[in-house]
PDB file of N, CA and C in Angstrom:
ATOM      1  N   UNK A   1     134.965  25.836  47.322  1.00  0.00           N
ATOM      2  CA  UNK A   1     133.682  25.815  47.993  1.00  0.00           C
ATOM      3  C   UNK A   1     133.050  27.189  47.797  1.00  0.00           C
ATOM      4  N   UNK A   2     131.828  27.157  47.380  1.00  0.00           N
ATOM      5  CA  UNK A   2     131.160  28.444  47.224  1.00  0.00           C
ATOM      6  C   UNK A   2     130.937  29.060  48.595  1.00  0.00           C
ATOM      7  N   UNK A   3     130.802  30.351  48.608  1.00  0.00           N
ATOM      8  CA  UNK A   3     130.606  31.072  49.864  1.00  0.00           C
ATOM      9  C   UNK A   3     129.362  30.552  50.587  1.00  0.00           C
ATOM     10  N   UNK A   4     128.306  30.284  49.852  1.00  0.00           N
ATOM     11  CA  UNK A   4     127.067  29.797  50.463  1.00  0.00           C
ATOM     12  C   UNK A   4     127.267  28.418  51.088  1.00  0.00           C
ATOM     13  N   UNK A   5     127.998  27.523  50.396  1.00  0.00           N
ATOM     14  CA  UNK A   5     128.294  26.205  50.968  1.00  0.00           C
ATOM     15  C   UNK A   5     129.017  26.356  52.294  1.00  0.00           C
ATOM     16  N   UNK A   6     130.018  27.208  52.329  1.00  0.00           N
ATOM     17  CA  UNK A   6     130.789  27.425  53.556  1.00  0.00           C
ATOM     18  C   UNK A   6     129.892  27.884  54.686  1.00  0.00           C
ATOM     19  N   UNK A   7     129.100  28.889  54.412  1.00  0.00           N
ATOM     20  CA  UNK A   7     128.224  29.442  55.451  1.00  0.00           C
ATOM     21  C   UNK A   7     127.262  28.394  55.985  1.00  0.00           C
ATOM     22  N   UNK A   8     126.615  27.676  55.079  1.00  0.00           N
ATOM     23  CA  UNK A   8     125.612  26.695  55.497  1.00  0.00           C
ATOM     24  C   UNK A   8     126.244  25.531  56.246  1.00  0.00           C
ATOM     25  N   UNK A   9     127.381  25.036  55.754  1.00  0.00           N
ATOM     26  CA  UNK A   9     128.067  23.940  56.439  1.00  0.00           C
ATOM     27  C   UNK A   9     128.509  24.383  57.838  1.00  0.00           C
ATOM     28  N   UNK A  10     129.123  25.559  57.914  1.00  0.00           N
ATOM     29  CA  UNK A  10     129.589  26.057  59.209  1.00  0.00           C
ATOM     30  C   UNK A  10     128.440  26.245  60.188  1.00  0.00           C
ATOM     31  N   UNK A  11     127.335  26.793  59.706  1.00  0.00           N
ATOM     32  CA  UNK A  11     126.189  27.029  60.582  1.00  0.00           C
ATOM     33  C   UNK A  11     125.579  25.721  61.074  1.00  0.00           C
ATOM     34  N   UNK A  12     125.374  24.780  60.156  1.00  0.00           N
ATOM     35  CA  UNK A  12     124.735  23.528  60.558  1.00  0.00           C
ATOM     36  C   UNK A  12     125.625  22.708  61.482  1.00  0.00           C
ATOM     37  N   UNK A  13     126.925  22.649  61.192  1.00  0.00           N
ATOM     38  CA  UNK A  13     127.809  21.843  62.035  1.00  0.00           C
ATOM     39  C   UNK A  13     127.994  22.483  63.418  1.00  0.00           C
ATOM     40  N   UNK A  14     128.090  23.802  63.481  1.00  0.00           N
ATOM     41  CA  UNK A  14     128.225  24.479  64.773  1.00  0.00           C
ATOM     42  C   UNK A  14     126.944  24.341  65.595  1.00  0.00           C
ATOM     43  N   UNK A  15     125.821  24.268  64.927  1.00  0.00           N
ATOM     44  CA  UNK A  15     124.532  24.169  65.601  1.00  0.00           C
ATOM     45  C   UNK A  15     124.369  22.856  66.362  1.00  0.00           C
ATOM     46  N   UNK A  16     125.041  21.810  65.911  1.00  0.00           N
ATOM     47  CA  UNK A  16     124.916  20.503  66.575  1.00  0.00           C
ATOM     48  C   UNK A  16     125.348  20.614  68.033  1.00  0.00           C
ATOM     49  N   UNK A  17     126.584  21.008  68.232  1.00  0.00           N
ATOM     50  CA  UNK A  17     127.114  21.111  69.597  1.00  0.00           C
ATOM     51  C   UNK A  17     126.411  22.166  70.426  1.00  0.00           C
ATOM     52  N   UNK A  18     126.077  23.272  69.792  1.00  0.00           N
ATOM     53  CA  UNK A  18     125.409  24.359  70.519  1.00  0.00           C
ATOM     54  C   UNK A  18     124.062  23.898  71.076  1.00  0.00           C
ATOM     55  N   UNK A  19     123.312  23.153  70.282  1.00  0.00           N
ATOM     56  CA  UNK A  19     122.000  22.685  70.749  1.00  0.00           C
ATOM     57  C   UNK A  19     122.116  21.594  71.803  1.00  0.00           C
ATOM     58  N   UNK A  20     123.122  20.748  71.680  1.00  0.00           N
ATOM     59  CA  UNK A  20     123.336  19.735  72.716  1.00  0.00           C
ATOM     60  C   UNK A  20     123.676  20.432  74.035  1.00  0.00           C
ATOM     61  N   UNK A  21     124.574  21.406  73.974  1.00  0.00           N
ATOM     62  CA  UNK A  21     124.979  22.127  75.188  1.00  0.00           C
ATOM     63  C   UNK A  21     123.805  22.877  75.805  1.00  0.00           C
ATOM     64  N   UNK A  22     123.045  23.568  74.978  1.00  0.00           N
ATOM     65  CA  UNK A  22     121.911  24.324  75.508  1.00  0.00           C
ATOM     66  C   UNK A  22     120.866  23.390  76.106  1.00  0.00           C
ATOM     67  N   UNK A  23     120.614  22.277  75.428  1.00  0.00           N
ATOM     68  CA  UNK A  23     119.647  21.316  75.931  1.00  0.00           C
ATOM     69  C   UNK A  23     120.090  20.667  77.224  1.00  0.00           C
ATOM     70  N   UNK A  24     121.382  20.420  77.350  1.00  0.00           N
ATOM     71  CA  UNK A  24     121.896  19.783  78.565  1.00  0.00           C
ATOM     72  C   UNK A  24     121.639  20.651  79.788  1.00  0.00           C
ATOM     73  N   UNK A  25     121.618  21.944  79.585  1.00  0.00           N
ATOM     74  CA  UNK A  25     121.293  22.857  80.682  1.00  0.00           C
ATOM     75  C   UNK A  25     119.854  22.711  81.142  1.00  0.00           C
ATOM     76  N   UNK A  26     119.055  22.044  80.351  1.00  0.00           N
ATOM     77  CA  UNK A  26     117.643  21.816  80.703  1.00  0.00           C
ATOM     78  C   UNK A  26     117.377  20.324  80.863  1.00  0.00           C
ATOM     79  N   UNK A  27     118.388  19.616  81.310  1.00  0.00           N
ATOM     80  CA  UNK A  27     118.352  18.165  81.426  1.00  0.00           C
ATOM     81  C   UNK A  27     117.112  17.688  82.181  1.00  0.00           C
ATOM     82  N   UNK A  28     116.603  16.555  81.735  1.00  0.00           N
ATOM     83  CA  UNK A  28     115.436  15.882  82.320  1.00  0.00           C
ATOM     84  C   UNK A  28     114.131  16.648  82.111  1.00  0.00           C
ATOM     85  N   UNK A  29     114.082  17.396  81.072  1.00  0.00           N
ATOM     86  CA  UNK A  29     112.818  18.039  80.716  1.00  0.00           C
ATOM     87  C   UNK A  29     112.526  17.741  79.258  1.00  0.00           C
ATOM     88  N   UNK A  30     111.305  18.033  78.843  1.00  0.00           N
ATOM     89  CA  UNK A  30     110.954  17.864  77.438  1.00  0.00           C
ATOM     90  C   UNK A  30     111.771  18.800  76.553  1.00  0.00           C
ATOM     91  N   UNK A  31     112.208  19.898  77.122  1.00  0.00           N
ATOM     92  CA  UNK A  31     113.024  20.841  76.345  1.00  0.00           C
ATOM     93  C   UNK A  31     114.343  20.212  75.927  1.00  0.00           C
ATOM     94  N   UNK A  32     114.931  19.395  76.793  1.00  0.00           N
ATOM     95  CA  UNK A  32     116.176  18.710  76.460  1.00  0.00           C
ATOM     96  C   UNK A  32     115.968  17.856  75.216  1.00  0.00           C
ATOM     97  N   UNK A  33     114.884  17.123  75.199  1.00  0.00           N
ATOM     98  CA  UNK A  33     114.559  16.289  74.037  1.00  0.00           C
ATOM     99  C   UNK A  33     114.418  17.155  72.778  1.00  0.00           C
ATOM    100  N   UNK A  34     113.763  18.285  72.922  1.00  0.00           N
ATOM    101  CA  UNK A  34     113.569  19.178  71.775  1.00  0.00           C
ATOM    102  C   UNK A  34     114.906  19.676  71.231  1.00  0.00           C
ATOM    103  N   UNK A  35     115.831  20.034  72.130  1.00  0.00           N
ATOM    104  CA  UNK A  35     117.141  20.506  71.678  1.00  0.00           C
ATOM    105  C   UNK A  35     117.942  19.391  71.014  1.00  0.00           C
ATOM    106  N   UNK A  36     117.798  18.154  71.510  1.00  0.00           N
ATOM    107  CA  UNK A  36     118.466  17.030  70.858  1.00  0.00           C
ATOM    108  C   UNK A  36     117.878  16.792  69.469  1.00  0.00           C
ATOM    109  N   UNK A  37     116.564  16.982  69.322  1.00  0.00           N
ATOM    110  CA  UNK A  37     115.939  16.843  68.002  1.00  0.00           C
ATOM    111  C   UNK A  37     116.478  17.896  67.035  1.00  0.00           C
ATOM    112  N   UNK A  38     116.653  19.109  67.525  1.00  0.00           N
ATOM    113  CA  UNK A  38     117.201  20.182  66.685  1.00  0.00           C
ATOM    114  C   UNK A  38     118.639  19.842  66.297  1.00  0.00           C
ATOM    115  N   UNK A  39     119.417  19.335  67.259  1.00  0.00           N
ATOM    116  CA  UNK A  39     120.805  18.944  66.981  1.00  0.00           C
ATOM    117  C   UNK A  39     120.850  17.835  65.933  1.00  0.00           C
ATOM    118  N   UNK A  40     119.923  16.890  66.034  1.00  0.00           N
ATOM    119  CA  UNK A  40     119.852  15.806  65.051  1.00  0.00           C
ATOM    120  C   UNK A  40     119.527  16.356  63.664  1.00  0.00           C
ATOM    121  N   UNK A  41     118.619  17.295  63.603  1.00  0.00           N
ATOM    122  CA  UNK A  41     118.297  17.928  62.326  1.00  0.00           C
ATOM    123  C   UNK A  41     119.505  18.641  61.741  1.00  0.00           C
ATOM    124  N   UNK A  42     120.261  19.312  62.583  1.00  0.00           N
ATOM    125  CA  UNK A  42     121.468  20.007  62.124  1.00  0.00           C
ATOM    126  C   UNK A  42     122.525  19.017  61.652  1.00  0.00           C
ATOM    127  N   UNK A  43     122.640  17.887  62.330  1.00  0.00           N
ATOM    128  CA  UNK A  43     123.602  16.860  61.913  1.00  0.00           C
ATOM    129  C   UNK A  43     123.213  16.291  60.556  1.00  0.00           C
ATOM    130  N   UNK A  44     121.920  16.088  60.339  1.00  0.00           N
ATOM    131  CA  UNK A  44     121.472  15.613  59.030  1.00  0.00           C
ATOM    132  C   UNK A  44     121.698  16.662  57.944  1.00  0.00           C
ATOM    133  N   UNK A  45     121.485  17.906  58.279  1.00  0.00           N
ATOM    134  CA  UNK A  45     121.758  18.976  57.326  1.00  0.00           C
ATOM    135  C   UNK A  45     123.258  19.029  57.007  1.00  0.00           C
ATOM    136  N   UNK A  46     124.092  18.864  58.005  1.00  0.00           N
ATOM    137  CA  UNK A  46     125.537  18.840  57.795  1.00  0.00           C
ATOM    138  C   UNK A  46     125.920  17.715  56.844  1.00  0.00           C
ATOM    139  N   UNK A  47     125.279  16.562  57.005  1.00  0.00           N
ATOM    140  CA  UNK A  47     125.537  15.429  56.115  1.00  0.00           C
ATOM    141  C   UNK A  47     125.225  15.793  54.660  1.00  0.00           C
ATOM    142  N   UNK A  48     124.153  16.524  54.461  1.00  0.00           N
ATOM    143  CA  UNK A  48     123.777  16.978  53.121  1.00  0.00           C
ATOM    144  C   UNK A  48     124.859  17.874  52.523  1.00  0.00           C
ATOM    145  N   UNK A  49     125.337  18.841  53.319  1.00  0.00           N
ATOM    146  CA  UNK A  49     126.377  19.750  52.822  1.00  0.00           C
ATOM    147  C   UNK A  49     127.660  18.997  52.521  1.00  0.00           C
ATOM    148  N   UNK A  50     127.976  17.995  53.316  1.00  0.00           N
ATOM    149  CA  UNK A  50     129.168  17.188  53.048  1.00  0.00           C
ATOM    150  C   UNK A  50     129.036  16.416  51.733  1.00  0.00           C
ATOM    151  N   UNK A  51     127.851  15.918  51.457  1.00  0.00           N
ATOM    152  CA  UNK A  51     127.625  15.238  50.170  1.00  0.00           C
ATOM    153  C   UNK A  51     127.838  16.192  49.001  1.00  0.00           C
ATOM    154  N   UNK A  52     127.329  17.398  49.125  1.00  0.00           N
ATOM    155  CA  UNK A  52     127.525  18.390  48.063  1.00  0.00           C
ATOM    156  C   UNK A  52     129.000  18.745  47.901  1.00  0.00           C
ATOM    157  N   UNK A  53     129.694  18.875  49.020  1.00  0.00           N
ATOM    158  CA  UNK A  53     131.115  19.199  48.957  1.00  0.00           C
ATOM    159  C   UNK A  53     131.912  18.085  48.288  1.00  0.00           C
ATOM    160  N   UNK A  54     131.547  16.839  48.566  1.00  0.00           N
ATOM    161  CA  UNK A  54     132.230  15.709  47.952  1.00  0.00           C
ATOM    162  C   UNK A  54     132.075  15.743  46.436  1.00  0.00           C
ATOM    163  N   UNK A  55     130.870  16.057  45.983  1.00  0.00           N
ATOM    164  CA  UNK A  55     130.617  16.144  44.540  1.00  0.00           C
ATOM    165  C   UNK A  55     131.332  17.335  43.915  1.00  0.00           C
ATOM    166  N   UNK A  56     131.392  18.427  44.650  1.00  0.00           N
ATOM    167  CA  UNK A  56     131.984  19.658  44.126  1.00  0.00           C
ATOM    168  C   UNK A  56     133.508  19.602  44.147  1.00  0.00           C
ATOM    169  N   UNK A  57     134.085  18.966  45.148  1.00  0.00           N
ATOM    170  CA  UNK A  57     135.541  18.922  45.317  1.00  0.00           C
ATOM    171  C   UNK A  57     136.028  17.484  45.447  1.00  0.00           C
ATOM    172  N   UNK A  58     136.040  16.741  44.342  1.00  0.00           N
ATOM    173  CA  UNK A  58     136.437  15.329  44.404  1.00  0.00           C
ATOM    174  C   UNK A  58     137.866  15.109  44.903  1.00  0.00           C
ATOM    175  N   UNK A  59     138.737  16.104  44.774  1.00  0.00           N
ATOM    176  CA  UNK A  59     140.108  15.957  45.269  1.00  0.00           C
ATOM    177  C   UNK A  59     140.161  15.815  46.788  1.00  0.00           C
ATOM    178  N   UNK A  60     139.145  16.303  47.466  1.00  0.00           N
ATOM    179  CA  UNK A  60     139.101  16.257  48.933  1.00  0.00           C
ATOM    180  C   UNK A  60     138.161  15.166  49.439  1.00  0.00           C
ATOM    181  N   UNK A  61     137.831  14.225  48.559  1.00  0.00           N
ATOM    182  CA  UNK A  61     136.850  13.195  48.891  1.00  0.00           C
ATOM    183  C   UNK A  61     137.237  12.399  50.150  1.00  0.00           C
ATOM    184  N   UNK A  62     138.503  12.010  50.273  1.00  0.00           N
ATOM    185  CA  UNK A  62     138.925  11.216  51.437  1.00  0.00           C
ATOM    186  C   UNK A  62     138.756  11.995  52.735  1.00  0.00           C
ATOM    187  N   UNK A  63     139.165  13.251  52.725  1.00  0.00           N
ATOM    188  CA  UNK A  63     139.037  14.078  53.923  1.00  0.00           C
ATOM    189  C   UNK A  63     137.575  14.298  54.285  1.00  0.00           C
ATOM    190  N   UNK A  64     136.771  14.563  53.267  1.00  0.00           N
ATOM    191  CA  UNK A  64     135.342  14.786  53.504  1.00  0.00           C
ATOM    192  C   UNK A  64     134.680  13.507  53.998  1.00  0.00           C
ATOM    193  N   UNK A  65     135.100  12.356  53.466  1.00  0.00           N
ATOM    194  CA  UNK A  65     134.562  11.076  53.939  1.00  0.00           C
ATOM    195  C   UNK A  65     134.845  10.862  55.421  1.00  0.00           C
ATOM    196  N   UNK A  66     136.039  11.228  55.870  1.00  0.00           N
ATOM    197  CA  UNK A  66     136.388  11.079  57.292  1.00  0.00           C
ATOM    198  C   UNK A  66     135.488  11.950  58.162  1.00  0.00           C
ATOM    199  N   UNK A  67     135.274  13.175  57.719  1.00  0.00           N
ATOM    200  CA  UNK A  67     134.385  14.080  58.463  1.00  0.00           C
ATOM    201  C   UNK A  67     132.964  13.528  58.455  1.00  0.00           C
ATOM    202  N   UNK A  68     132.544  13.028  57.304  1.00  0.00           N
ATOM    203  CA  UNK A  68     131.191  12.483  57.167  1.00  0.00           C
ATOM    204  C   UNK A  68     130.986  11.274  58.082  1.00  0.00           C
ATOM    205  N   UNK A  69     132.002  10.414  58.204  1.00  0.00           N
ATOM    206  CA  UNK A  69     131.897   9.253  59.092  1.00  0.00           C
ATOM    207  C   UNK A  69     131.691   9.687  60.545  1.00  0.00           C
ATOM    208  N   UNK A  70     132.418  10.713  60.964  1.00  0.00           N
ATOM    209  CA  UNK A  70     132.253  11.231  62.329  1.00  0.00           C
ATOM    210  C   UNK A  70     130.853  11.822  62.514  1.00  0.00           C
ATOM    211  N   UNK A  71     130.384  12.501  61.487  1.00  0.00           N
ATOM    212  CA  UNK A  71     129.045  13.093  61.561  1.00  0.00           C
ATOM    213  C   UNK A  71     127.975  12.005  61.638  1.00  0.00           C
ATOM    214  N   UNK A  72     128.154  10.925  60.901  1.00  0.00           N
ATOM    215  CA  UNK A  72     127.193   9.819  60.945  1.00  0.00           C
ATOM    216  C   UNK A  72     127.194   9.174  62.336  1.00  0.00           C
ATOM    217  N   UNK A  73     128.371   9.065  62.961  1.00  0.00           N
ATOM    218  CA  UNK A  73     128.439   8.575  64.342  1.00  0.00           C
ATOM    219  C   UNK A  73     127.635   9.485  65.269  1.00  0.00           C
ATOM    220  N   UNK A  74     127.764  10.792  65.055  1.00  0.00           N
ATOM    221  CA  UNK A  74     127.023  11.763  65.861  1.00  0.00           C
ATOM    222  C   UNK A  74     125.526  11.583  65.663  1.00  0.00           C
ATOM    223  N   UNK A  75     125.099  11.403  64.425  1.00  0.00           N
ATOM    224  CA  UNK A  75     123.680  11.179  64.122  1.00  0.00           C
ATOM    225  C   UNK A  75     123.170   9.952  64.874  1.00  0.00           C
ATOM    226  N   UNK A  76     123.937   8.881  64.836  1.00  0.00           N
ATOM    227  CA  UNK A  76     123.530   7.645  65.521  1.00  0.00           C
ATOM    228  C   UNK A  76     123.437   7.848  67.034  1.00  0.00           C
ATOM    229  N   UNK A  77     124.419   8.557  67.610  1.00  0.00           N
ATOM    230  CA  UNK A  77     124.393   8.796  69.057  1.00  0.00           C
ATOM    231  C   UNK A  77     123.203   9.654  69.461  1.00  0.00           C
ATOM    232  N   UNK A  78     122.902  10.665  68.659  1.00  0.00           N
ATOM    233  CA  UNK A  78     121.744  11.512  68.957  1.00  0.00           C
ATOM    234  C   UNK A  78     120.447  10.711  68.856  1.00  0.00           C
ATOM    235  N   UNK A  79     120.349   9.866  67.846  1.00  0.00           N
ATOM    236  CA  UNK A  79     119.136   9.052  67.671  1.00  0.00           C
ATOM    237  C   UNK A  79     118.944   8.112  68.856  1.00  0.00           C
ATOM    238  N   UNK A  80     120.015   7.476  69.309  1.00  0.00           N
ATOM    239  CA  UNK A  80     119.930   6.574  70.462  1.00  0.00           C
ATOM    240  C   UNK A  80     119.576   7.351  71.728  1.00  0.00           C
ATOM    241  N   UNK A  81     120.173   8.506  71.898  1.00  0.00           N
ATOM    242  CA  UNK A  81     119.869   9.333  73.072  1.00  0.00           C
ATOM    243  C   UNK A  81     118.400   9.725  73.109  1.00  0.00           C
ATOM    244  N   UNK A  82     117.879  10.133  71.972  1.00  0.00           N
ATOM    245  CA  UNK A  82     116.460  10.496  71.907  1.00  0.00           C
ATOM    246  C   UNK A  82     115.567   9.298  72.204  1.00  0.00           C
ATOM    247  N   UNK A  83     115.915   8.161  71.660  1.00  0.00           N
ATOM    248  CA  UNK A  83     115.135   6.947  71.891  1.00  0.00           C
ATOM    249  C   UNK A  83     115.135   6.583  73.379  1.00  0.00           C
ATOM    250  N   UNK A  84     116.291   6.703  74.014  1.00  0.00           N
ATOM    251  CA  UNK A  84     116.408   6.396  75.443  1.00  0.00           C
ATOM    252  C   UNK A  84     115.603   7.384  76.279  1.00  0.00           C
ATOM    253  N   UNK A  85     115.705   8.664  75.955  1.00  0.00           N
ATOM    254  CA  UNK A  85     114.924   9.674  76.687  1.00  0.00           C
ATOM    255  C   UNK A  85     113.430   9.389  76.609  1.00  0.00           C
ATOM    256  N   UNK A  86     112.968   9.055  75.418  1.00  0.00           N
ATOM    257  CA  UNK A  86     111.533   8.795  75.236  1.00  0.00           C
ATOM    258  C   UNK A  86     111.106   7.540  75.983  1.00  0.00           C
ATOM    259  N   UNK A  87     111.949   6.516  75.974  1.00  0.00           N
ATOM    260  CA  UNK A  87     111.621   5.280  76.650  1.00  0.00           C
ATOM    261  C   UNK A  87     111.569   5.493  78.163  1.00  0.00           C
ATOM    262  N   UNK A  88     112.499   6.266  78.696  1.00  0.00           N
ATOM    263  CA  UNK A  88     112.575   6.506  80.137  1.00  0.00           C
ATOM    264  C   UNK A  88     111.465   7.440  80.636  1.00  0.00           C
ATOM    265  N   UNK A  89     110.893   8.199  79.758  1.00  0.00           N
ATOM    266  CA  UNK A  89     109.839   9.137  80.140  1.00  0.00           C
ATOM    267  C   UNK A  89     108.510   8.426  80.346  1.00  0.00           C
ATOM    268  N   UNK A  90     108.347   7.274  79.762  1.00  0.00           N
ATOM    269  CA  UNK A  90     107.060   6.554  79.840  1.00  0.00           C
ATOM    270  C   UNK A  90     106.825   5.958  81.184  1.00  0.00           C
TER     271      UNK A  90
END
């Protein structure tokens, strides 16, 4: 893995949880929704880095696929959470 891949993957994946945690501290406000949107963006960015890693390191494809599946679950949960927040705000 190139140094840049490592840095970007680590930053984007760490950002997911950090933004969820920070947003939760502002629960029931528009800011919470904004932090979940940022977390969703970071999860999508993480998915991109995982795709690049799979292409770059085919020997680790199975391991990367497992991580990618968990990340896709996270993306889906964030999307549903955002949808629910928006629906409940109306």
